[in-house]
Amino acid sequence: GLFGGEGYNHEAFLKQLDNVKKDDSIKGVLLTVNTPGGGTYPSDEIYEKIKEIKQKHKKIYVHMDSMAASGGYYISAPADKIYAGPQTMTGSIGVIMSSIDYSGLQKNLGIKQNVIKSGEHKDILSSSREMTSEERDILQSVLDDSFNR
């Protein structure tokens, strides 16, 4: 996969995109995308590099392989043309965060966690207690900011 499968090196890929941008003999790029997605930061880095290449008046073509979801869809968006087959799975734009609340189980087992922290929200995703509405609002804001980027 694009963001963490065998053989993918994010820094090397960014360097390749930089080389494409700098090489005036290159008039266009065909990028094959095959990924279920990935982190918002690496996806955004690739997206921005693709936009930089386009600013050099180079064409970007994307071939969506079997899957181009989430971050894969995002990095494909600035392309001049996107090619996808009828079996290509694409879409699924969004940002997700989850946590598990084991506090009820811990209470039933007589387990109590002692927390020492230096900031009010240092344990915001603690699995040892229920999330507060304020914490939920903070995390939702973080996800919304990332999604609306």
C-alpha atoms as a PDB file:
ATOM      1  CA  GLY A   1       0.000   0.000   0.000  1.00  0.00           C
ATOM      2  CA  LEU A   2       0.988   3.577  -0.516  1.00  0.00           C
ATOM      3  CA  PHE A   3       1.293   4.515   3.164  1.00  0.00           C
ATOM      4  CA  GLY A   4       3.041   1.727   4.931  1.00  0.00           C
ATOM      5  CA  GLY A   5       2.998  -1.502   2.970  1.00  0.00           C
ATOM      6  CA  GLU A   6       6.127  -3.348   1.963  1.00  0.00           C
ATOM      7  CA  GLY A   7       8.421  -1.389  -0.256  1.00  0.00           C
ATOM      8  CA  TYR A   8       6.974   2.083   0.222  1.00  0.00           C
ATOM      9  CA  ASN A   9       9.326   4.779   1.445  1.00  0.00           C
ATOM     10  CA  HIS A  10       7.523   8.069   1.970  1.00  0.00           C
ATOM     11  CA  GLU A  11      10.616  10.283   2.012  1.00  0.00           C
ATOM     12  CA  ALA A  12      11.966   8.628  -1.148  1.00  0.00           C
ATOM     13  CA  PHE A  13       8.621   9.143  -2.892  1.00  0.00           C
ATOM     14  CA  LEU A  14       8.549  12.835  -1.940  1.00  0.00           C
ATOM     15  CA  LYS A  15      12.085  13.153  -3.309  1.00  0.00           C
ATOM     16  CA  GLN A  16      10.958  11.552  -6.589  1.00  0.00           C
ATOM     17  CA  LEU A  17       8.132  14.074  -6.821  1.00  0.00           C
ATOM     18  CA  ASP A  18      10.615  16.898  -6.179  1.00  0.00           C
ATOM     19  CA  ASN A  19      12.851  15.542  -8.955  1.00  0.00           C
ATOM     20  CA  VAL A  20       9.879  15.484 -11.339  1.00  0.00           C
ATOM     21  CA  LYS A  21       9.089  19.078 -10.425  1.00  0.00           C
ATOM     22  CA  LYS A  22      12.669  20.235 -11.080  1.00  0.00           C
ATOM     23  CA  ASP A  23      13.280  18.286 -14.314  1.00  0.00           C
ATOM     24  CA  ASP A  24      12.124  20.466 -17.220  1.00  0.00           C
ATOM     25  CA  SER A  25      12.333  17.530 -19.641  1.00  0.00           C
ATOM     26  CA  ILE A  26       9.441  15.815 -17.831  1.00  0.00           C
ATOM     27  CA  LYS A  27       6.111  16.987 -19.219  1.00  0.00           C
ATOM     28  CA  GLY A  28       3.785  14.756 -17.229  1.00  0.00           C
ATOM     29  CA  VAL A  29       3.440  12.018 -14.645  1.00  0.00           C
ATOM     30  CA  LEU A  30       1.402   8.830 -14.524  1.00  0.00           C
ATOM     31  CA  LEU A  31       0.866   7.944 -10.879  1.00  0.00           C
ATOM     32  CA  THR A  32      -0.541   4.527  -9.964  1.00  0.00           C
ATOM     33  CA  VAL A  33      -2.467   4.705  -6.701  1.00  0.00           C
ATOM     34  CA  ASN A  34      -3.285   1.505  -4.821  1.00  0.00           C
ATOM     35  CA  THR A  35      -3.988   2.127  -1.139  1.00  0.00           C
ATOM     36  CA  PRO A  36      -6.757   1.950   1.456  1.00  0.00           C
ATOM     37  CA  GLY A  37      -5.585   5.358   2.674  1.00  0.00           C
ATOM     38  CA  GLY A  38      -3.152   6.413   5.306  1.00  0.00           C
ATOM     39  CA  GLY A  39      -2.279   9.191   7.654  1.00  0.00           C
ATOM     40  CA  THR A  40      -3.513  12.700   7.032  1.00  0.00           C
ATOM     41  CA  TYR A  41      -0.024  14.193   7.214  1.00  0.00           C
ATOM     42  CA  PRO A  42       1.673  12.016   4.568  1.00  0.00           C
ATOM     43  CA  SER A  43      -1.417  12.248   2.344  1.00  0.00           C
ATOM     44  CA  ASP A  44      -1.320  16.022   2.550  1.00  0.00           C
ATOM     45  CA  GLU A  45       2.416  16.120   1.825  1.00  0.00           C
ATOM     46  CA  ILE A  46       1.863  14.165  -1.398  1.00  0.00           C
ATOM     47  CA  TYR A  47      -1.179  16.257  -2.318  1.00  0.00           C
ATOM     48  CA  GLU A  48       0.847  19.467  -1.953  1.00  0.00           C
ATOM     49  CA  LYS A  49       3.777  18.060  -3.976  1.00  0.00           C
ATOM     50  CA  ILE A  50       1.382  17.124  -6.789  1.00  0.00           C
ATOM     51  CA  LYS A  51      -0.019  20.654  -6.783  1.00  0.00           C
ATOM     52  CA  GLU A  52       3.548  22.042  -6.963  1.00  0.00           C
ATOM     53  CA  ILE A  53       4.242  19.859 -10.012  1.00  0.00           C
ATOM     54  CA  LYS A  54       1.060  21.128 -11.671  1.00  0.00           C
ATOM     55  CA  GLN A  55       2.193  24.727 -11.073  1.00  0.00           C
ATOM     56  CA  LYS A  56       5.166  23.897 -13.338  1.00  0.00           C
ATOM     57  CA  HIS A  57       2.595  23.213 -16.110  1.00  0.00           C
ATOM     58  CA  LYS A  58       3.163  19.470 -15.999  1.00  0.00           C
ATOM     59  CA  LYS A  59       0.239  17.104 -16.483  1.00  0.00           C
ATOM     60  CA  ILE A  60      -0.692  14.666 -13.741  1.00  0.00           C
ATOM     61  CA  TYR A  61      -2.525  11.468 -14.631  1.00  0.00           C
ATOM     62  CA  VAL A  62      -3.669   8.992 -12.000  1.00  0.00           C
ATOM     63  CA  HIS A  63      -4.346   5.316 -12.539  1.00  0.00           C
ATOM     64  CA  MET A  64      -6.391   4.020  -9.623  1.00  0.00           C
ATOM     65  CA  ASP A  65      -5.555   0.350  -9.220  1.00  0.00           C
ATOM     66  CA  SER A  66      -7.730  -1.991  -7.128  1.00  0.00           C
ATOM     67  CA  MET A  67      -8.169   0.557  -4.322  1.00  0.00           C
ATOM     68  CA  ALA A  68      -7.720   4.303  -3.970  1.00  0.00           C
ATOM     69  CA  ALA A  69      -9.608   5.158  -0.817  1.00  0.00           C
ATOM     70  CA  SER A  70      -9.329   7.927   1.747  1.00  0.00           C
ATOM     71  CA  GLY A  71      -5.795   9.367   1.433  1.00  0.00           C
ATOM     72  CA  GLY A  72      -5.424   7.690  -1.967  1.00  0.00           C
ATOM     73  CA  TYR A  73      -8.519   9.483  -3.217  1.00  0.00           C
ATOM     74  CA  TYR A  74      -7.254  12.737  -1.708  1.00  0.00           C
ATOM     75  CA  ILE A  75      -3.868  12.623  -3.442  1.00  0.00           C
ATOM     76  CA  SER A  76      -5.600  11.772  -6.737  1.00  0.00           C
ATOM     77  CA  ALA A  77      -7.922  14.785  -6.602  1.00  0.00           C
ATOM     78  CA  PRO A  78      -5.591  17.387  -8.177  1.00  0.00           C
ATOM     79  CA  ALA A  79      -4.857  15.151 -11.210  1.00  0.00           C
ATOM     80  CA  ASP A  80      -5.695  16.385 -14.690  1.00  0.00           C
ATOM     81  CA  LYS A  81      -7.267  13.021 -15.449  1.00  0.00           C
ATOM     82  CA  ILE A  82      -8.089   9.987 -13.312  1.00  0.00           C
ATOM     83  CA  TYR A  83      -8.446   6.487 -14.731  1.00  0.00           C
ATOM     84  CA  ALA A  84     -10.242   3.853 -12.679  1.00  0.00           C
ATOM     85  CA  GLY A  85     -11.706   0.499 -13.595  1.00  0.00           C
ATOM     86  CA  PRO A  86     -15.213  -0.692 -12.761  1.00  0.00           C
ATOM     87  CA  GLN A  87     -13.824  -2.809  -9.913  1.00  0.00           C
ATOM     88  CA  THR A  88     -11.683  -0.043  -8.391  1.00  0.00           C
ATOM     89  CA  MET A  89     -12.756   0.699  -4.844  1.00  0.00           C
ATOM     90  CA  THR A  90     -12.507   4.434  -4.259  1.00  0.00           C
ATOM     91  CA  GLY A  91     -13.986   7.095  -2.008  1.00  0.00           C
ATOM     92  CA  SER A  92     -14.208   6.797   1.766  1.00  0.00           C
ATOM     93  CA  ILE A  93     -13.043  10.318   2.491  1.00  0.00           C
ATOM     94  CA  GLY A  94     -12.933  11.107   6.171  1.00  0.00           C
ATOM     95  CA  VAL A  95     -10.865  11.161   9.306  1.00  0.00           C
ATOM     96  CA  ILE A  96     -11.417   8.756  12.175  1.00  0.00           C
ATOM     97  CA  MET A  97     -10.219   8.384  15.730  1.00  0.00           C
ATOM     98  CA  SER A  98     -11.388   5.784  18.204  1.00  0.00           C
ATOM     99  CA  SER A  99     -10.752   4.701  21.741  1.00  0.00           C
ATOM    100  CA  ILE A 100     -12.059   1.969  24.014  1.00  0.00           C
ATOM    101  CA  ASP A 101     -13.536   2.630  27.450  1.00  0.00           C
ATOM    102  CA  TYR A 102     -12.570  -0.284  29.718  1.00  0.00           C
ATOM    103  CA  SER A 103     -13.552   1.544  32.912  1.00  0.00           C
ATOM    104  CA  GLY A 104     -16.599  -0.681  33.541  1.00  0.00           C
ATOM    105  CA  LEU A 105     -14.558  -3.848  33.091  1.00  0.00           C
ATOM    106  CA  GLN A 106     -11.799  -2.487  35.310  1.00  0.00           C
ATOM    107  CA  LYS A 107     -14.350  -1.656  38.002  1.00  0.00           C
ATOM    108  CA  ASN A 108     -15.809  -5.180  37.821  1.00  0.00           C
ATOM    109  CA  LEU A 109     -12.325  -6.671  38.173  1.00  0.00           C
ATOM    110  CA  GLY A 110     -11.337  -4.332  40.985  1.00  0.00           C
ATOM    111  CA  ILE A 111      -8.669  -2.606  38.911  1.00  0.00           C
ATOM    112  CA  LYS A 112      -8.030   1.050  39.599  1.00  0.00           C
ATOM    113  CA  GLN A 113      -5.600   3.155  37.601  1.00  0.00           C
ATOM    114  CA  ASN A 114      -3.652   5.952  39.253  1.00  0.00           C
ATOM    115  CA  VAL A 115      -2.806   8.759  36.837  1.00  0.00           C
ATOM    116  CA  ILE A 116      -0.246  11.483  37.371  1.00  0.00           C
ATOM    117  CA  LYS A 117      -0.236  14.057  34.601  1.00  0.00           C
ATOM    118  CA  SER A 118       1.144  17.488  33.865  1.00  0.00           C
ATOM    119  CA  GLY A 119      -1.669  18.859  31.720  1.00  0.00           C
ATOM    120  CA  GLU A 120      -5.445  18.796  31.951  1.00  0.00           C
ATOM    121  CA  HIS A 121      -5.881  16.750  28.775  1.00  0.00           C
ATOM    122  CA  LYS A 122      -2.759  14.547  28.838  1.00  0.00           C
ATOM    123  CA  ASP A 123      -4.932  11.432  29.235  1.00  0.00           C
ATOM    124  CA  ILE A 124      -7.625  12.527  26.782  1.00  0.00           C
ATOM    125  CA  LEU A 125      -7.872   9.044  25.205  1.00  0.00           C
ATOM    126  CA  SER A 126      -7.540   7.078  28.428  1.00  0.00           C
ATOM    127  CA  SER A 127      -9.173   3.663  28.274  1.00  0.00           C
ATOM    128  CA  SER A 128      -9.606   3.700  32.062  1.00  0.00           C
ATOM    129  CA  ARG A 129     -12.399   6.252  32.224  1.00  0.00           C
ATOM    130  CA  GLU A 130     -15.294   7.620  30.249  1.00  0.00           C
ATOM    131  CA  MET A 131     -14.502  10.469  27.874  1.00  0.00           C
ATOM    132  CA  THR A 132     -15.908  13.837  28.972  1.00  0.00           C
ATOM    133  CA  SER A 133     -18.053  15.947  26.651  1.00  0.00           C
ATOM    134  CA  GLU A 134     -15.318  18.612  26.649  1.00  0.00           C
ATOM    135  CA  GLU A 135     -12.749  16.032  25.528  1.00  0.00           C
ATOM    136  CA  ARG A 136     -15.103  14.763  22.822  1.00  0.00           C
ATOM    137  CA  ASP A 137     -15.530  18.350  21.564  1.00  0.00           C
ATOM    138  CA  ILE A 138     -11.741  18.881  21.512  1.00  0.00           C
ATOM    139  CA  LEU A 139     -11.116  15.695  19.553  1.00  0.00           C
ATOM    140  CA  GLN A 140     -13.991  16.388  17.156  1.00  0.00           C
ATOM    141  CA  SER A 141     -12.486  19.814  16.484  1.00  0.00           C
ATOM    142  CA  VAL A 142      -9.091  18.236  15.723  1.00  0.00           C
ATOM    143  CA  LEU A 143     -10.674  15.779  13.287  1.00  0.00           C
ATOM    144  CA  ASP A 144     -12.813  18.471  11.665  1.00  0.00           C
ATOM    145  CA  ASP A 145      -9.746  20.679  11.154  1.00  0.00           C
ATOM    146  CA  SER A 146      -7.898  17.787   9.540  1.00  0.00           C
ATOM    147  CA  PHE A 147     -10.859  16.868   7.318  1.00  0.00           C
ATOM    148  CA  ASN A 148     -11.531  20.450   6.234  1.00  0.00           C
ATOM    149  CA  ARG A 149      -7.896  21.028   5.298  1.00  0.00           C
END
